[in-house]
């Protein structure tokens, strides 16, 4: 493991948890997270508790964890501060597999699609 990969392991684990929750077809329980990510249960419970406290995850009584609304705040801020057209072209430049297709960017402005 390189030096950059062994720093701040809790943050790396938290991102792995977010990715797992996002990819799950149903909200995972803490035991699911521990098992699928091969992490100690105590570590998972601590990380999940803090992530819920910070709004990164939400806990549904017996249904498990889902992504929290704080992530929406961050995503909204990212889109407000970026030129979406420039970002769109940047993504297309790096996706040669899309060259054979017509790809369009559609944006909603108020009630109009532009």
PDB file of N, CA and C in Angstrom:
ATOM      1  N   UNK A   1       0.852  -1.180   0.000  1.00  0.00           N
ATOM      2  CA  UNK A   1       0.000   0.000   0.000  1.00  0.00           C
ATOM      3  C   UNK A   1       0.896   1.241   0.000  1.00  0.00           C
ATOM      4  N   UNK A   2       0.600   2.186  -0.903  1.00  0.00           N
ATOM      5  CA  UNK A   2       1.416   3.401  -0.960  1.00  0.00           C
ATOM      6  C   UNK A   2       1.074   4.318   0.204  1.00  0.00           C
ATOM      7  N   UNK A   3       1.970   5.262   0.448  1.00  0.00           N
ATOM      8  CA  UNK A   3       1.772   6.178   1.574  1.00  0.00           C
ATOM      9  C   UNK A   3       0.457   6.946   1.431  1.00  0.00           C
ATOM     10  N   UNK A   4       0.091   7.356   0.203  1.00  0.00           N
ATOM     11  CA  UNK A   4      -1.143   8.118   0.023  1.00  0.00           C
ATOM     12  C   UNK A   4      -2.378   7.268   0.291  1.00  0.00           C
ATOM     13  N   UNK A   5      -2.256   5.946   0.158  1.00  0.00           N
ATOM     14  CA  UNK A   5      -3.409   5.078   0.363  1.00  0.00           C
ATOM     15  C   UNK A   5      -3.599   4.676   1.817  1.00  0.00           C
ATOM     16  N   UNK A   6      -2.595   4.871   2.657  1.00  0.00           N
ATOM     17  CA  UNK A   6      -2.767   4.465   4.045  1.00  0.00           C
ATOM     18  C   UNK A   6      -3.034   5.642   4.975  1.00  0.00           C
ATOM     19  N   UNK A   7      -3.220   6.831   4.419  1.00  0.00           N
ATOM     20  CA  UNK A   7      -3.540   7.990   5.240  1.00  0.00           C
ATOM     21  C   UNK A   7      -5.059   8.131   5.351  1.00  0.00           C
ATOM     22  N   UNK A   8      -5.504   8.600   6.464  1.00  0.00           N
ATOM     23  CA  UNK A   8      -6.912   8.863   6.756  1.00  0.00           C
ATOM     24  C   UNK A   8      -7.810   7.667   6.401  1.00  0.00           C
ATOM     25  N   UNK A   9      -7.556   6.519   7.014  1.00  0.00           N
ATOM     26  CA  UNK A   9      -8.343   5.333   6.670  1.00  0.00           C
ATOM     27  C   UNK A   9      -9.835   5.482   6.968  1.00  0.00           C
ATOM     28  N   UNK A  10     -10.196   6.253   7.983  1.00  0.00           N
ATOM     29  CA  UNK A  10     -11.619   6.418   8.304  1.00  0.00           C
ATOM     30  C   UNK A  10     -12.356   7.119   7.166  1.00  0.00           C
ATOM     31  N   UNK A  11     -11.708   8.098   6.564  1.00  0.00           N
ATOM     32  CA  UNK A  11     -12.345   8.786   5.443  1.00  0.00           C
ATOM     33  C   UNK A  11     -12.507   7.844   4.257  1.00  0.00           C
ATOM     34  N   UNK A  12     -11.487   7.055   3.984  1.00  0.00           N
ATOM     35  CA  UNK A  12     -11.570   6.075   2.888  1.00  0.00           C
ATOM     36  C   UNK A  12     -12.692   5.068   3.152  1.00  0.00           C
ATOM     37  N   UNK A  13     -12.835   4.632   4.382  1.00  0.00           N
ATOM     38  CA  UNK A  13     -13.909   3.700   4.728  1.00  0.00           C
ATOM     39  C   UNK A  13     -15.274   4.366   4.574  1.00  0.00           C
ATOM     40  N   UNK A  14     -15.380   5.619   4.982  1.00  0.00           N
ATOM     41  CA  UNK A  14     -16.652   6.330   4.871  1.00  0.00           C
ATOM     42  C   UNK A  14     -17.068   6.459   3.403  1.00  0.00           C
ATOM     43  N   UNK A  15     -16.129   6.751   2.541  1.00  0.00           N
ATOM     44  CA  UNK A  15     -16.447   6.860   1.105  1.00  0.00           C
ATOM     45  C   UNK A  15     -16.853   5.497   0.557  1.00  0.00           C
ATOM     46  N   UNK A  16     -16.182   4.444   0.986  1.00  0.00           N
ATOM     47  CA  UNK A  16     -16.569   3.090   0.554  1.00  0.00           C
ATOM     48  C   UNK A  16     -17.992   2.778   1.003  1.00  0.00           C
ATOM     49  N   UNK A  17     -18.342   3.211   2.212  1.00  0.00           N
ATOM     50  CA  UNK A  17     -19.706   2.996   2.712  1.00  0.00           C
ATOM     51  C   UNK A  17     -20.709   3.769   1.854  1.00  0.00           C
ATOM     52  N   UNK A  18     -20.415   5.029   1.568  1.00  0.00           N
ATOM     53  CA  UNK A  18     -21.318   5.817   0.726  1.00  0.00           C
ATOM     54  C   UNK A  18     -21.499   5.164  -0.643  1.00  0.00           C
ATOM     55  N   UNK A  19     -20.406   4.710  -1.229  1.00  0.00           N
ATOM     56  CA  UNK A  19     -20.491   4.039  -2.530  1.00  0.00           C
ATOM     57  C   UNK A  19     -21.337   2.773  -2.442  1.00  0.00           C
ATOM     58  N   UNK A  20     -21.165   2.029  -1.374  1.00  0.00           N
ATOM     59  CA  UNK A  20     -21.926   0.795  -1.212  1.00  0.00           C
ATOM     60  C   UNK A  20     -23.418   1.082  -1.037  1.00  0.00           C
ATOM     61  N   UNK A  21     -23.742   2.069  -0.203  1.00  0.00           N
ATOM     62  CA  UNK A  21     -25.146   2.425   0.023  1.00  0.00           C
ATOM     63  C   UNK A  21     -25.775   2.888  -1.291  1.00  0.00           C
ATOM     64  N   UNK A  22     -25.045   3.685  -2.039  1.00  0.00           N
ATOM     65  CA  UNK A  22     -25.538   4.168  -3.330  1.00  0.00           C
ATOM     66  C   UNK A  22     -25.823   3.014  -4.284  1.00  0.00           C
ATOM     67  N   UNK A  23     -24.963   2.020  -4.302  1.00  0.00           N
ATOM     68  CA  UNK A  23     -25.077   0.918  -5.245  1.00  0.00           C
ATOM     69  C   UNK A  23     -26.063  -0.164  -4.803  1.00  0.00           C
ATOM     70  N   UNK A  24     -26.474  -0.140  -3.546  1.00  0.00           N
ATOM     71  CA  UNK A  24     -27.344  -1.197  -3.025  1.00  0.00           C
ATOM     72  C   UNK A  24     -28.769  -1.062  -3.548  1.00  0.00           C
ATOM     73  N   UNK A  25     -29.377  -2.194  -3.853  1.00  0.00           N
ATOM     74  CA  UNK A  25     -30.756  -2.196  -4.341  1.00  0.00           C
ATOM     75  C   UNK A  25     -31.746  -1.938  -3.207  1.00  0.00           C
ATOM     76  N   UNK A  26     -31.338  -2.202  -1.983  1.00  0.00           N
ATOM     77  CA  UNK A  26     -32.153  -1.901  -0.802  1.00  0.00           C
ATOM     78  C   UNK A  26     -31.239  -1.294   0.248  1.00  0.00           C
ATOM     79  N   UNK A  27     -31.779  -0.467   1.136  1.00  0.00           N
ATOM     80  CA  UNK A  27     -30.927   0.137   2.167  1.00  0.00           C
ATOM     81  C   UNK A  27     -30.252  -0.937   3.020  1.00  0.00           C
ATOM     82  N   UNK A  28     -28.914  -0.960   3.051  1.00  0.00           N
ATOM     83  CA  UNK A  28     -28.221  -1.998   3.817  1.00  0.00           C
ATOM     84  C   UNK A  28     -28.269  -1.735   5.319  1.00  0.00           C
ATOM     85  N   UNK A  29     -28.252  -2.811   6.057  1.00  0.00           N
ATOM     86  CA  UNK A  29     -28.118  -2.746   7.514  1.00  0.00           C
ATOM     87  C   UNK A  29     -26.638  -2.638   7.852  1.00  0.00           C
ATOM     88  N   UNK A  30     -26.328  -2.283   9.092  1.00  0.00           N
ATOM     89  CA  UNK A  30     -24.929  -2.176   9.526  1.00  0.00           C
ATOM     90  C   UNK A  30     -24.199  -3.497   9.318  1.00  0.00           C
ATOM     91  N   UNK A  31     -24.865  -4.601   9.592  1.00  0.00           N
ATOM     92  CA  UNK A  31     -24.235  -5.915   9.418  1.00  0.00           C
ATOM     93  C   UNK A  31     -23.904  -6.166   7.949  1.00  0.00           C
ATOM     94  N   UNK A  32     -24.767  -5.706   7.034  1.00  0.00           N
ATOM     95  CA  UNK A  32     -24.503  -5.847   5.594  1.00  0.00           C
ATOM     96  C   UNK A  32     -23.249  -5.076   5.207  1.00  0.00           C
ATOM     97  N   UNK A  33     -23.133  -3.858   5.720  1.00  0.00           N
ATOM     98  CA  UNK A  33     -21.978  -3.017   5.421  1.00  0.00           C
ATOM     99  C   UNK A  33     -20.706  -3.691   5.913  1.00  0.00           C
ATOM    100  N   UNK A  34     -20.727  -4.150   7.153  1.00  0.00           N
ATOM    101  CA  UNK A  34     -19.539  -4.795   7.728  1.00  0.00           C
ATOM    102  C   UNK A  34     -19.142  -6.025   6.912  1.00  0.00           C
ATOM    103  N   UNK A  35     -20.116  -6.828   6.546  1.00  0.00           N
ATOM    104  CA  UNK A  35     -19.834  -8.060   5.809  1.00  0.00           C
ATOM    105  C   UNK A  35     -19.333  -7.770   4.386  1.00  0.00           C
ATOM    106  N   UNK A  36     -20.046  -6.910   3.672  1.00  0.00           N
ATOM    107  CA  UNK A  36     -19.687  -6.650   2.275  1.00  0.00           C
ATOM    108  C   UNK A  36     -18.364  -5.907   2.125  1.00  0.00           C
ATOM    109  N   UNK A  37     -18.054  -5.037   3.072  1.00  0.00           N
ATOM    110  CA  UNK A  37     -16.809  -4.274   2.984  1.00  0.00           C
ATOM    111  C   UNK A  37     -15.692  -4.899   3.814  1.00  0.00           C
ATOM    112  N   UNK A  38     -15.999  -6.001   4.470  1.00  0.00           N
ATOM    113  CA  UNK A  38     -15.024  -6.720   5.290  1.00  0.00           C
ATOM    114  C   UNK A  38     -14.375  -5.793   6.321  1.00  0.00           C
ATOM    115  N   UNK A  39     -15.238  -5.121   7.085  1.00  0.00           N
ATOM    116  CA  UNK A  39     -14.786  -4.196   8.134  1.00  0.00           C
ATOM    117  C   UNK A  39     -15.300  -4.679   9.481  1.00  0.00           C
ATOM    118  N   UNK A  40     -14.582  -4.357  10.551  1.00  0.00           N
ATOM    119  CA  UNK A  40     -15.066  -4.723  11.888  1.00  0.00           C
ATOM    120  C   UNK A  40     -16.402  -4.042  12.184  1.00  0.00           C
ATOM    121  N   UNK A  41     -17.291  -4.772  12.828  1.00  0.00           N
ATOM    122  CA  UNK A  41     -18.626  -4.219  13.134  1.00  0.00           C
ATOM    123  C   UNK A  41     -18.530  -2.948  13.973  1.00  0.00           C
ATOM    124  N   UNK A  42     -17.610  -2.920  14.935  1.00  0.00           N
ATOM    125  CA  UNK A  42     -17.491  -1.731  15.786  1.00  0.00           C
ATOM    126  C   UNK A  42     -17.086  -0.514  14.959  1.00  0.00           C
ATOM    127  N   UNK A  43     -16.202  -0.712  13.998  1.00  0.00           N
ATOM    128  CA  UNK A  43     -15.788   0.377  13.108  1.00  0.00           C
ATOM    129  C   UNK A  43     -16.970   0.861  12.286  1.00  0.00           C
ATOM    130  N   UNK A  44     -17.713  -0.069  11.725  1.00  0.00           N
ATOM    131  CA  UNK A  44     -18.874   0.275  10.893  1.00  0.00           C
ATOM    132  C   UNK A  44     -19.913   1.022  11.717  1.00  0.00           C
ATOM    133  N   UNK A  45     -20.220   0.532  12.917  1.00  0.00           N
ATOM    134  CA  UNK A  45     -21.225   1.206  13.751  1.00  0.00           C
ATOM    135  C   UNK A  45     -20.783   2.631  14.084  1.00  0.00           C
ATOM    136  N   UNK A  46     -19.509   2.826  14.404  1.00  0.00           N
ATOM    137  CA  UNK A  46     -19.010   4.170  14.700  1.00  0.00           C
ATOM    138  C   UNK A  46     -19.096   5.081  13.491  1.00  0.00           C
ATOM    139  N   UNK A  47     -18.663   4.586  12.334  1.00  0.00           N
ATOM    140  CA  UNK A  47     -18.717   5.401  11.117  1.00  0.00           C
ATOM    141  C   UNK A  47     -20.162   5.726  10.735  1.00  0.00           C
ATOM    142  N   UNK A  48     -21.041   4.739  10.794  1.00  0.00           N
ATOM    143  CA  UNK A  48     -22.442   4.979  10.440  1.00  0.00           C
ATOM    144  C   UNK A  48     -23.072   6.018  11.362  1.00  0.00           C
ATOM    145  N   UNK A  49     -22.788   5.936  12.662  1.00  0.00           N
ATOM    146  CA  UNK A  49     -23.358   6.895  13.615  1.00  0.00           C
ATOM    147  C   UNK A  49     -22.920   8.318  13.290  1.00  0.00           C
ATOM    148  N   UNK A  50     -21.648   8.499  12.999  1.00  0.00           N
ATOM    149  CA  UNK A  50     -21.144   9.837  12.669  1.00  0.00           C
ATOM    150  C   UNK A  50     -21.703  10.308  11.330  1.00  0.00           C
ATOM    151  N   UNK A  51     -21.787   9.412  10.369  1.00  0.00           N
ATOM    152  CA  UNK A  51     -22.312   9.787   9.056  1.00  0.00           C
ATOM    153  C   UNK A  51     -23.789  10.183   9.137  1.00  0.00           C
ATOM    154  N   UNK A  52     -24.547   9.524  10.000  1.00  0.00           N
ATOM    155  CA  UNK A  52     -25.944   9.921  10.232  1.00  0.00           C
ATOM    156  C   UNK A  52     -25.984  11.283  10.922  1.00  0.00           C
ATOM    157  N   UNK A  53     -25.149  11.454  11.944  1.00  0.00           N
ATOM    158  CA  UNK A  53     -25.087  12.731  12.677  1.00  0.00           C
ATOM    159  C   UNK A  53     -24.779  13.896  11.735  1.00  0.00           C
ATOM    160  N   UNK A  54     -23.913  13.665  10.759  1.00  0.00           N
ATOM    161  CA  UNK A  54     -23.501  14.723   9.830  1.00  0.00           C
ATOM    162  C   UNK A  54     -24.418  14.865   8.622  1.00  0.00           C
ATOM    163  N   UNK A  55     -25.432  14.014   8.529  1.00  0.00           N
ATOM    164  CA  UNK A  55     -26.383  14.115   7.430  1.00  0.00           C
ATOM    165  C   UNK A  55     -25.940  13.447   6.140  1.00  0.00           C
ATOM    166  N   UNK A  56     -24.848  12.685   6.202  1.00  0.00           N
ATOM    167  CA  UNK A  56     -24.376  11.990   5.005  1.00  0.00           C
ATOM    168  C   UNK A  56     -25.197  10.738   4.731  1.00  0.00           C
ATOM    169  N   UNK A  57     -25.735  10.147   5.781  1.00  0.00           N
ATOM    170  CA  UNK A  57     -26.615   8.989   5.681  1.00  0.00           C
ATOM    171  C   UNK A  57     -27.851   9.253   6.528  1.00  0.00           C
ATOM    172  N   UNK A  58     -28.920   8.547   6.205  1.00  0.00           N
ATOM    173  CA  UNK A  58     -30.126   8.549   7.028  1.00  0.00           C
ATOM    174  C   UNK A  58     -30.419   7.112   7.402  1.00  0.00           C
ATOM    175  N   UNK A  59     -30.872   6.906   8.636  1.00  0.00           N
ATOM    176  CA  UNK A  59     -31.203   5.555   9.098  1.00  0.00           C
ATOM    177  C   UNK A  59     -32.714   5.421   9.152  1.00  0.00           C
ATOM    178  N   UNK A  60     -33.217   4.401   8.462  1.00  0.00           N
ATOM    179  CA  UNK A  60     -34.636   4.065   8.526  1.00  0.00           C
ATOM    180  C   UNK A  60     -34.775   2.961   9.552  1.00  0.00           C
ATOM    181  N   UNK A  61     -35.680   3.122  10.467  1.00  0.00           N
ATOM    182  CA  UNK A  61     -35.850   2.225  11.611  1.00  0.00           C
ATOM    183  C   UNK A  61     -35.297   0.817  11.404  1.00  0.00           C
ATOM    184  N   UNK A  62     -35.971  -0.019  10.665  1.00  0.00           N
ATOM    185  CA  UNK A  62     -35.489  -1.390  10.489  1.00  0.00           C
ATOM    186  C   UNK A  62     -35.071  -1.649   9.046  1.00  0.00           C
ATOM    187  N   UNK A  63     -35.129  -0.619   8.212  1.00  0.00           N
ATOM    188  CA  UNK A  63     -34.863  -0.815   6.788  1.00  0.00           C
ATOM    189  C   UNK A  63     -33.424  -0.560   6.383  1.00  0.00           C
ATOM    190  N   UNK A  64     -32.611  -0.046   7.252  1.00  0.00           N
ATOM    191  CA  UNK A  64     -31.209   0.174   6.927  1.00  0.00           C
ATOM    192  C   UNK A  64     -30.881   1.632   6.669  1.00  0.00           C
ATOM    193  N   UNK A  65     -29.806   1.831   5.913  1.00  0.00           N
ATOM    194  CA  UNK A  65     -29.265   3.173   5.678  1.00  0.00           C
ATOM    195  C   UNK A  65     -29.445   3.585   4.222  1.00  0.00           C
ATOM    196  N   UNK A  66     -29.686   4.885   4.034  1.00  0.00           N
ATOM    197  CA  UNK A  66     -29.746   5.453   2.690  1.00  0.00           C
ATOM    198  C   UNK A  66     -28.956   6.751   2.683  1.00  0.00           C
ATOM    199  N   UNK A  67     -28.648   7.240   1.493  1.00  0.00           N
ATOM    200  CA  UNK A  67     -27.880   8.480   1.386  1.00  0.00           C
ATOM    201  C   UNK A  67     -28.646   9.629   2.018  1.00  0.00           C
ATOM    202  N   UNK A  68     -27.918  10.514   2.680  1.00  0.00           N
ATOM    203  CA  UNK A  68     -28.526  11.632   3.384  1.00  0.00           C
ATOM    204  C   UNK A  68     -28.686  12.868   2.516  1.00  0.00           C
ATOM    205  N   UNK A  69     -29.504  13.778   2.988  1.00  0.00           N
ATOM    206  CA  UNK A  69     -29.819  14.986   2.221  1.00  0.00           C
ATOM    207  C   UNK A  69     -28.657  15.975   2.159  1.00  0.00           C
ATOM    208  N   UNK A  70     -27.710  15.870   3.065  1.00  0.00           N
ATOM    209  CA  UNK A  70     -26.551  16.775   3.009  1.00  0.00           C
ATOM    210  C   UNK A  70     -25.804  16.603   1.689  1.00  0.00           C
ATOM    211  N   UNK A  71     -25.797  15.382   1.163  1.00  0.00           N
ATOM    212  CA  UNK A  71     -25.144  15.128  -0.121  1.00  0.00           C
ATOM    213  C   UNK A  71     -25.830  15.912  -1.241  1.00  0.00           C
ATOM    214  N   UNK A  72     -27.150  16.082  -1.145  1.00  0.00           N
ATOM    215  CA  UNK A  72     -27.874  16.878  -2.137  1.00  0.00           C
ATOM    216  C   UNK A  72     -27.441  18.337  -2.083  1.00  0.00           C
ATOM    217  N   UNK A  73     -27.242  18.832  -0.867  1.00  0.00           N
ATOM    218  CA  UNK A  73     -26.756  20.209  -0.711  1.00  0.00           C
ATOM    219  C   UNK A  73     -25.412  20.378  -1.407  1.00  0.00           C
ATOM    220  N   UNK A  74     -24.516  19.406  -1.203  1.00  0.00           N
ATOM    221  CA  UNK A  74     -23.202  19.469  -1.831  1.00  0.00           C
ATOM    222  C   UNK A  74     -23.321  19.383  -3.342  1.00  0.00           C
ATOM    223  N   UNK A  75     -24.147  18.463  -3.819  1.00  0.00           N
ATOM    224  CA  UNK A  75     -24.300  18.284  -5.269  1.00  0.00           C
ATOM    225  C   UNK A  75     -24.877  19.546  -5.900  1.00  0.00           C
ATOM    226  N   UNK A  76     -25.848  20.146  -5.240  1.00  0.00           N
ATOM    227  CA  UNK A  76     -26.436  21.380  -5.758  1.00  0.00           C
ATOM    228  C   UNK A  76     -25.419  22.499  -5.832  1.00  0.00           C
ATOM    229  N   UNK A  77     -24.570  22.582  -4.829  1.00  0.00           N
ATOM    230  CA  UNK A  77     -23.542  23.615  -4.809  1.00  0.00           C
ATOM    231  C   UNK A  77     -22.525  23.396  -5.925  1.00  0.00           C
ATOM    232  N   UNK A  78     -22.199  22.140  -6.188  1.00  0.00           N
ATOM    233  CA  UNK A  78     -21.249  21.829  -7.256  1.00  0.00           C
ATOM    234  C   UNK A  78     -21.814  22.272  -8.601  1.00  0.00           C
ATOM    235  N   UNK A  79     -23.081  21.947  -8.853  1.00  0.00           N
ATOM    236  CA  UNK A  79     -23.664  22.299 -10.154  1.00  0.00           C
ATOM    237  C   UNK A  79     -23.829  23.803 -10.310  1.00  0.00           C
ATOM    238  N   UNK A  80     -24.096  24.511  -9.225  1.00  0.00           N
ATOM    239  CA  UNK A  80     -24.222  25.965  -9.302  1.00  0.00           C
ATOM    240  C   UNK A  80     -22.898  26.637  -9.645  1.00  0.00           C
ATOM    241  N   UNK A  81     -21.798  26.036  -9.227  1.00  0.00           N
ATOM    242  CA  UNK A  81     -20.489  26.659  -9.402  1.00  0.00           C
ATOM    243  C   UNK A  81     -19.736  26.165 -10.627  1.00  0.00           C
ATOM    244  N   UNK A  82     -20.373  25.364 -11.455  1.00  0.00           N
ATOM    245  CA  UNK A  82     -19.710  24.848 -12.650  1.00  0.00           C
ATOM    246  C   UNK A  82     -20.465  25.260 -13.889  1.00  0.00           C
ATOM    247  N   UNK A  83     -19.730  25.412 -14.946  1.00  0.00           N
ATOM    248  CA  UNK A  83     -20.338  25.647 -16.239  1.00  0.00           C
ATOM    249  C   UNK A  83     -20.684  24.274 -16.802  1.00  0.00           C
ATOM    250  N   UNK A  84     -21.973  23.938 -16.798  1.00  0.00           N
ATOM    251  CA  UNK A  84     -22.387  22.590 -17.181  1.00  0.00           C
ATOM    252  C   UNK A  84     -22.072  22.265 -18.635  1.00  0.00           C
ATOM    253  N   UNK A  85     -22.117  23.244 -19.505  1.00  0.00           N
ATOM    254  CA  UNK A  85     -21.807  22.985 -20.913  1.00  0.00           C
ATOM    255  C   UNK A  85     -20.338  22.596 -21.052  1.00  0.00           C
ATOM    256  N   UNK A  86     -19.452  23.314 -20.382  1.00  0.00           N
ATOM    257  CA  UNK A  86     -18.026  22.980 -20.418  1.00  0.00           C
ATOM    258  C   UNK A  86     -17.797  21.596 -19.824  1.00  0.00           C
ATOM    259  N   UNK A  87     -18.452  21.304 -18.722  1.00  0.00           N
ATOM    260  CA  UNK A  87     -18.322  19.987 -18.093  1.00  0.00           C
ATOM    261  C   UNK A  87     -18.818  18.885 -19.028  1.00  0.00           C
ATOM    262  N   UNK A  88     -19.919  19.148 -19.717  1.00  0.00           N
ATOM    263  CA  UNK A  88     -20.482  18.186 -20.657  1.00  0.00           C
ATOM    264  C   UNK A  88     -19.468  17.846 -21.754  1.00  0.00           C
ATOM    265  N   UNK A  89     -18.871  18.870 -22.336  1.00  0.00           N
ATOM    266  CA  UNK A  89     -17.883  18.624 -23.387  1.00  0.00           C
ATOM    267  C   UNK A  89     -16.635  17.937 -22.844  1.00  0.00           C
ATOM    268  N   UNK A  90     -16.248  18.259 -21.637  1.00  0.00           N
ATOM    269  CA  UNK A  90     -15.095  17.604 -21.012  1.00  0.00           C
ATOM    270  C   UNK A  90     -15.353  16.102 -20.851  1.00  0.00           C
ATOM    271  N   UNK A  91     -16.550  15.744 -20.402  1.00  0.00           N
ATOM    272  CA  UNK A  91     -16.896  14.325 -20.260  1.00  0.00           C
ATOM    273  C   UNK A  91     -16.867  13.639 -21.615  1.00  0.00           C
ATOM    274  N   UNK A  92     -17.421  14.290 -22.629  1.00  0.00           N
ATOM    275  CA  UNK A  92     -17.448  13.686 -23.972  1.00  0.00           C
ATOM    276  C   UNK A  92     -16.042  13.486 -24.529  1.00  0.00           C
ATOM    277  N   UNK A  93     -15.128  14.404 -24.250  1.00  0.00           N
ATOM    278  CA  UNK A  93     -13.740  14.268 -24.725  1.00  0.00           C
ATOM    279  C   UNK A  93     -13.085  13.000 -24.182  1.00  0.00           C
ATOM    280  N   UNK A  94     -13.496  12.583 -23.009  1.00  0.00           N
ATOM    281  CA  UNK A  94     -12.898  11.418 -22.362  1.00  0.00           C
ATOM    282  C   UNK A  94     -13.696  10.130 -22.572  1.00  0.00           C
ATOM    283  N   UNK A  95     -14.695  10.177 -23.441  1.00  0.00           N
ATOM    284  CA  UNK A  95     -15.536   9.004 -23.685  1.00  0.00           C
ATOM    285  C   UNK A  95     -15.575   8.672 -25.170  1.00  0.00           C
ATOM    286  N   UNK A  96     -14.480   8.135 -25.669  1.00  0.00           N
ATOM    287  CA  UNK A  96     -14.392   7.758 -27.078  1.00  0.00           C
ATOM    288  C   UNK A  96     -15.454   6.732 -27.457  1.00  0.00           C
ATOM    289  N   UNK A  97     -15.921   5.950 -26.473  1.00  0.00           N
ATOM    290  CA  UNK A  97     -16.944   4.950 -26.753  1.00  0.00           C
ATOM    291  C   UNK A  97     -18.280   5.572 -27.167  1.00  0.00           C
ATOM    292  N   UNK A  98     -18.427   6.883 -26.984  1.00  0.00           N
ATOM    293  CA  UNK A  98     -19.666   7.556 -27.365  1.00  0.00           C
ATOM    294  C   UNK A  98     -19.572   8.238 -28.735  1.00  0.00           C
ATOM    295  N   UNK A  99     -18.415   8.157 -29.382  1.00  0.00           N
ATOM    296  CA  UNK A  99     -18.208   8.832 -30.671  1.00  0.00           C
ATOM    297  C   UNK A  99     -19.227   8.432 -31.731  1.00  0.00           C
ATOM    298  N   UNK A 100     -19.702   7.216 -31.695  1.00  0.00           N
ATOM    299  CA  UNK A 100     -20.636   6.739 -32.720  1.00  0.00           C
ATOM    300  C   UNK A 100     -22.076   7.211 -32.473  1.00  0.00           C
ATOM    301  N   UNK A 101     -22.302   7.890 -31.357  1.00  0.00           N
ATOM    302  CA  UNK A 101     -23.656   8.288 -30.980  1.00  0.00           C
ATOM    303  C   UNK A 101     -23.835   9.801 -31.034  1.00  0.00           C
ATOM    304  N   UNK A 102     -25.074  10.214 -31.192  1.00  0.00           N
ATOM    305  CA  UNK A 102     -25.414  11.620 -31.042  1.00  0.00           C
ATOM    306  C   UNK A 102     -25.785  11.832 -29.586  1.00  0.00           C
ATOM    307  N   UNK A 103     -25.039  12.668 -28.910  1.00  0.00           N
ATOM    308  CA  UNK A 103     -25.262  12.913 -27.487  1.00  0.00           C
ATOM    309  C   UNK A 103     -25.623  14.383 -27.326  1.00  0.00           C
ATOM    310  N   UNK A 104     -26.709  14.641 -26.615  1.00  0.00           N
ATOM    311  CA  UNK A 104     -27.142  16.023 -26.411  1.00  0.00           C
ATOM    312  C   UNK A 104     -27.214  16.337 -24.923  1.00  0.00           C
ATOM    313  N   UNK A 105     -27.035  17.588 -24.611  1.00  0.00           N
ATOM    314  CA  UNK A 105     -27.188  18.077 -23.246  1.00  0.00           C
ATOM    315  C   UNK A 105     -28.507  18.822 -23.179  1.00  0.00           C
ATOM    316  N   UNK A 106     -29.364  18.398 -22.296  1.00  0.00           N
ATOM    317  CA  UNK A 106     -30.656  19.046 -22.102  1.00  0.00           C
ATOM    318  C   UNK A 106     -30.709  19.557 -20.676  1.00  0.00           C
ATOM    319  N   UNK A 107     -31.128  20.818 -20.538  1.00  0.00           N
ATOM    320  CA  UNK A 107     -31.197  21.410 -19.207  1.00  0.00           C
ATOM    321  C   UNK A 107     -32.595  21.975 -18.985  1.00  0.00           C
ATOM    322  N   UNK A 108     -33.031  21.933 -17.744  1.00  0.00           N
ATOM    323  CA  UNK A 108     -34.325  22.466 -17.376  1.00  0.00           C
ATOM    324  C   UNK A 108     -34.121  23.852 -16.784  1.00  0.00           C
ATOM    325  N   UNK A 109     -34.738  24.852 -17.416  1.00  0.00           N
ATOM    326  CA  UNK A 109     -34.713  26.220 -16.893  1.00  0.00           C
ATOM    327  C   UNK A 109     -36.146  26.614 -16.585  1.00  0.00           C
ATOM    328  N   UNK A 110     -36.463  26.603 -15.298  1.00  0.00           N
ATOM    329  CA  UNK A 110     -37.845  26.839 -14.912  1.00  0.00           C
ATOM    330  C   UNK A 110     -38.704  25.693 -15.409  1.00  0.00           C
ATOM    331  N   UNK A 111     -39.691  26.002 -16.223  1.00  0.00           N
ATOM    332  CA  UNK A 111     -40.568  24.966 -16.771  1.00  0.00           C
ATOM    333  C   UNK A 111     -40.162  24.587 -18.197  1.00  0.00           C
ATOM    334  N   UNK A 112     -39.079  25.200 -18.710  1.00  0.00           N
ATOM    335  CA  UNK A 112     -38.673  24.951 -20.084  1.00  0.00           C
ATOM    336  C   UNK A 112     -37.460  24.052 -20.172  1.00  0.00           C
ATOM    337  N   UNK A 113     -37.485  23.170 -21.163  1.00  0.00           N
ATOM    338  CA  UNK A 113     -36.338  22.328 -21.462  1.00  0.00           C
ATOM    339  C   UNK A 113     -35.563  23.020 -22.564  1.00  0.00           C
ATOM    340  N   UNK A 114     -34.285  23.272 -22.299  1.00  0.00           N
ATOM    341  CA  UNK A 114     -33.446  23.959 -23.303  1.00  0.00           C
ATOM    342  C   UNK A 114     -32.240  23.121 -23.652  1.00  0.00           C
TER     343      UNK A 114
END
